[in-house]
Amino acid sequence: MELLHQHLWPVYERLTSDALLSRCERKATQNASESFHASVWAKYSKTHFHCKEKVELAVSSAAAAYNFGPYLPTQGFRTLSNHWKD
C-alpha cells in the first residue's frame, strides 16, 4: 500500500497545484482544435452522412460559439426575431 501511495501522491500533487487549477479556471483546453472539433461533431454525428450545407452550418455555429461564447447564436436569433416583428 505504501508503494502505491508513494507513486500516486506526486500525481495528485501535480493535479491539484495552484498553477494547473488556475489554468482550468479560464476554461482553456489543452488542445483547442480537439475542443472545436468536438463541438462541431456534437451537432451532427460523424457516423451518419450529412449534406455539405449542414456541416457548414455546424462549423459556422461552432466557430461563433468558440470565438464569441455559446450564447451568441441565441442572441443573434433574438435580434433577428425582434427585427422581423416590427
Protein backbone atom coordinates (compact mmCIF):
# COMPACT_ATOMS: atom_id res chain seq x y z
CA MET A 1 0.00 0.00 0.00
CA GLU A 2 2.87 2.35 0.82
CA LEU A 3 4.35 1.77 -2.64
CA LEU A 4 1.06 2.75 -4.27
CA HIS A 5 0.84 5.87 -2.11
CA GLN A 6 4.44 6.73 -2.96
CA HIS A 7 3.66 6.67 -6.71
CA LEU A 8 0.21 8.26 -6.65
CA TRP A 9 0.95 11.14 -4.30
CA PRO A 10 3.18 13.08 -6.76
CA VAL A 11 0.49 12.78 -9.44
CA TYR A 12 -2.12 14.06 -7.01
CA GLU A 13 0.16 16.94 -6.02
CA ARG A 14 0.65 17.98 -9.65
CA LEU A 15 -3.07 17.74 -10.49
CA THR A 16 -4.04 19.89 -7.51
CA SER A 17 -1.34 22.52 -7.92
CA ASP A 18 -2.50 26.14 -7.94
CA ALA A 19 -0.78 26.76 -11.29
CA LEU A 20 -2.72 23.99 -13.02
CA LEU A 21 -6.04 24.81 -11.36
CA SER A 22 -5.72 28.49 -12.30
CA ARG A 23 -5.40 27.43 -15.96
CA CYS A 24 -8.57 25.37 -15.57
CA GLU A 25 -10.41 28.45 -14.25
CA ARG A 26 -10.01 30.11 -17.64
CA LYS A 27 -11.66 27.04 -19.20
CA ALA A 28 -8.72 26.72 -21.55
CA THR A 29 -8.26 23.35 -23.17
CA GLN A 30 -5.02 21.57 -23.77
CA ASN A 31 -5.85 21.18 -27.43
CA ALA A 32 -8.06 23.90 -28.90
CA SER A 33 -8.63 22.01 -32.15
CA GLU A 34 -9.88 18.98 -30.26
CA SER A 35 -12.38 21.13 -28.37
CA PHE A 36 -13.54 22.82 -31.58
CA HIS A 37 -13.96 19.54 -33.45
CA ALA A 38 -15.88 18.04 -30.54
CA SER A 39 -18.33 20.96 -30.61
CA VAL A 40 -18.80 20.56 -34.39
CA TRP A 41 -19.46 16.83 -34.19
CA ALA A 42 -21.74 17.25 -31.17
CA LYS A 43 -24.18 18.96 -33.53
CA TYR A 44 -24.06 16.28 -36.23
CA SER A 45 -22.77 12.77 -35.69
CA LYS A 46 -19.77 11.57 -37.67
CA THR A 47 -21.40 8.17 -38.04
CA HIS A 48 -24.15 9.43 -40.38
CA PHE A 49 -23.95 11.23 -43.71
CA HIS A 50 -24.89 14.92 -43.65
CA CYS A 51 -25.12 17.26 -46.61
CA LYS A 52 -22.49 19.94 -47.15
CA GLU A 53 -24.82 22.73 -46.00
CA LYS A 54 -25.50 21.06 -42.64
CA VAL A 55 -21.80 20.50 -41.99
CA GLU A 56 -21.03 24.12 -42.95
CA LEU A 57 -23.76 25.30 -40.57
CA ALA A 58 -22.32 23.15 -37.77
CA VAL A 59 -18.81 24.51 -38.41
CA SER A 60 -20.03 28.13 -38.55
CA SER A 61 -22.07 27.71 -35.39
CA ALA A 62 -19.18 26.06 -33.55
CA ALA A 63 -16.78 28.80 -34.72
CA ALA A 64 -19.15 31.52 -33.47
CA ALA A 65 -19.57 29.77 -30.12
CA TYR A 66 -15.82 29.16 -29.86
CA ASN A 67 -14.90 32.78 -30.67
CA PHE A 68 -17.73 34.71 -29.06
CA GLY A 69 -19.27 32.38 -26.48
CA PRO A 70 -22.09 29.86 -26.62
CA TYR A 71 -24.91 32.40 -26.40
CA LEU A 72 -24.05 34.48 -29.48
CA PRO A 73 -26.22 32.48 -31.91
CA THR A 74 -29.15 32.71 -29.50
CA GLN A 75 -28.70 36.47 -29.14
CA GLY A 76 -28.45 36.83 -32.91
CA PHE A 77 -31.70 34.93 -33.45
CA ARG A 78 -33.41 37.03 -30.79
CA THR A 79 -32.26 40.22 -32.51
CA LEU A 80 -33.49 38.98 -35.88
CA SER A 81 -36.85 37.87 -34.50
CA ASN A 82 -37.34 41.27 -32.82
CA HIS A 83 -36.48 42.97 -36.10
CA TRP A 84 -39.00 40.85 -38.02
CA LYS A 85 -41.76 41.60 -35.50
CA ASP A 86 -41.54 45.35 -36.19
